[in-house]
Protein backbone atom coordinates (compact mmCIF):
# COMPACT_ATOMS: atom_id res chain seq x y z
CA MET A 1 8.76 29.27 -12.37
CA SER A 2 5.23 27.91 -12.26
CA ASP A 3 2.82 28.05 -9.35
CA GLU A 4 3.36 24.34 -8.75
CA ASP A 5 7.14 24.85 -8.42
CA SER A 6 6.72 27.68 -5.94
CA GLU A 7 4.31 25.61 -3.85
CA ALA A 8 6.84 22.78 -3.70
CA GLU A 9 9.52 25.17 -2.38
CA THR A 10 7.43 26.47 0.52
CA ALA A 11 7.82 24.96 3.95
CA PRO A 12 5.70 21.89 4.57
CA ALA A 13 2.61 22.31 6.67
CA VAL A 14 2.96 21.27 10.29
CA GLU A 15 0.07 19.27 11.59
CA LEU A 16 -1.03 19.86 15.16
CA GLY A 17 -1.37 16.89 17.44
CA GLU A 18 -4.69 15.59 18.61
CA GLY A 19 -4.13 16.14 22.30
CA PRO A 20 -6.09 18.29 24.71
CA ASP A 21 -6.11 22.05 24.29
CA VAL A 22 -3.86 24.22 26.43
CA GLU A 23 -5.68 27.18 27.94
CA GLY A 24 -4.11 30.62 27.80
CA ALA A 25 -1.61 32.37 25.56
CA PRO A 26 2.13 31.79 25.60
CA LEU A 27 4.00 34.62 27.32
CA SER A 28 5.97 35.25 24.13
CA ARG A 29 2.75 35.99 22.22
CA VAL A 30 1.78 38.63 24.78
CA THR A 31 5.22 40.25 24.76
CA ALA A 32 5.21 40.37 20.96
CA ARG A 33 2.16 42.66 21.07
CA LEU A 34 3.91 45.24 23.24
CA THR A 35 6.57 47.85 22.49
CA TRP A 36 9.59 48.36 24.74
CA GLY A 37 10.35 50.19 27.13
CA ILE A 38 7.03 50.17 28.80
CA GLU A 39 5.63 50.93 32.24
CA HIS A 40 4.17 48.25 34.48
CA SER A 41 0.79 50.05 34.58
CA THR A 42 0.65 50.27 30.77
CA VAL A 43 1.16 46.52 30.45
CA VAL A 44 -1.69 45.95 32.90
CA ASP A 45 -3.93 48.38 30.99
CA ARG A 46 -3.21 46.79 27.61
CA GLU A 47 -2.80 43.10 28.40
CA GLY A 48 -3.85 42.62 32.03
CA ASP A 49 -6.98 40.64 31.15
CA THR A 50 -5.01 38.24 28.95
CA THR A 51 -4.77 34.70 30.30
CA VAL A 52 -1.24 33.33 30.07
CA ARG A 53 0.00 29.77 30.32
CA THR A 54 1.93 28.93 33.47
CA PRO A 55 3.22 25.70 35.03
CA ASP A 56 0.47 26.09 37.65
CA GLY A 57 -2.26 26.47 35.03
CA PRO A 58 -3.68 29.52 33.27
CA GLN A 59 -3.54 32.87 35.10
CA GLU A 60 -4.54 36.41 34.22
CA LEU A 61 -1.48 38.52 33.49
CA ALA A 62 -2.69 41.30 35.83
CA ALA A 63 -2.73 38.84 38.74
CA VAL A 64 0.80 37.71 37.90
CA LEU A 65 2.00 41.31 37.63
CA ASP A 66 0.64 42.06 41.12
CA ASP A 67 3.68 40.13 42.38
CA VAL A 68 6.19 42.00 40.17
CA ASP A 69 7.85 44.98 41.88
CA GLN A 70 9.36 46.59 38.78
CA THR A 71 7.61 49.75 37.61
CA TYR A 72 9.31 49.91 34.21
CA PHE A 73 10.50 47.28 31.75
CA PRO A 74 13.25 48.58 29.45
CA ASP A 75 13.02 45.61 27.10
CA ARG A 76 11.17 42.38 26.39
CA GLN A 77 13.75 40.25 28.20
CA ALA A 78 13.43 42.24 31.43
CA PHE A 79 9.64 41.81 31.33
CA GLU A 80 9.78 38.08 30.60
CA ASP A 81 12.40 37.54 33.33
CA ALA A 82 10.22 39.37 35.87
CA VAL A 83 7.11 37.39 34.94
CA ARG A 84 8.95 34.06 34.92
CA ALA A 85 10.37 34.85 38.37
CA VAL A 86 6.74 34.84 39.57
CA ILE A 87 5.23 32.01 37.52
CA GLY A 88 8.28 29.78 37.26
CA THR A 89 9.27 27.65 34.31
CA GLY A 90 8.36 24.16 33.38
CA ALA A 91 5.75 22.11 31.62
CA VAL A 92 2.34 23.64 31.09
CA PRO A 93 -0.53 21.34 32.10
CA THR A 94 -3.14 20.35 29.55
CA GLU A 95 -6.83 19.79 30.13
């Protein structure tokens, strides 16, 4: 198989749209950087200064976690559920 054949079999490139930028990181990107189970305070120490996208605009994760009562997250889903209970779900505004 030649290099040209292998290039043709790879997934096509996806072009990004030319709309306004969205400030902050998706919650899933933040959770992918953590290992589970993890304590609330450890998440704040490691990722608290990260700005996440929310339906109400970008917010620092530490500020969001101030409203989360759980002290330990056994898995990614428990963490995301707790955060989404605070920030809600829905469309993320653009600039």
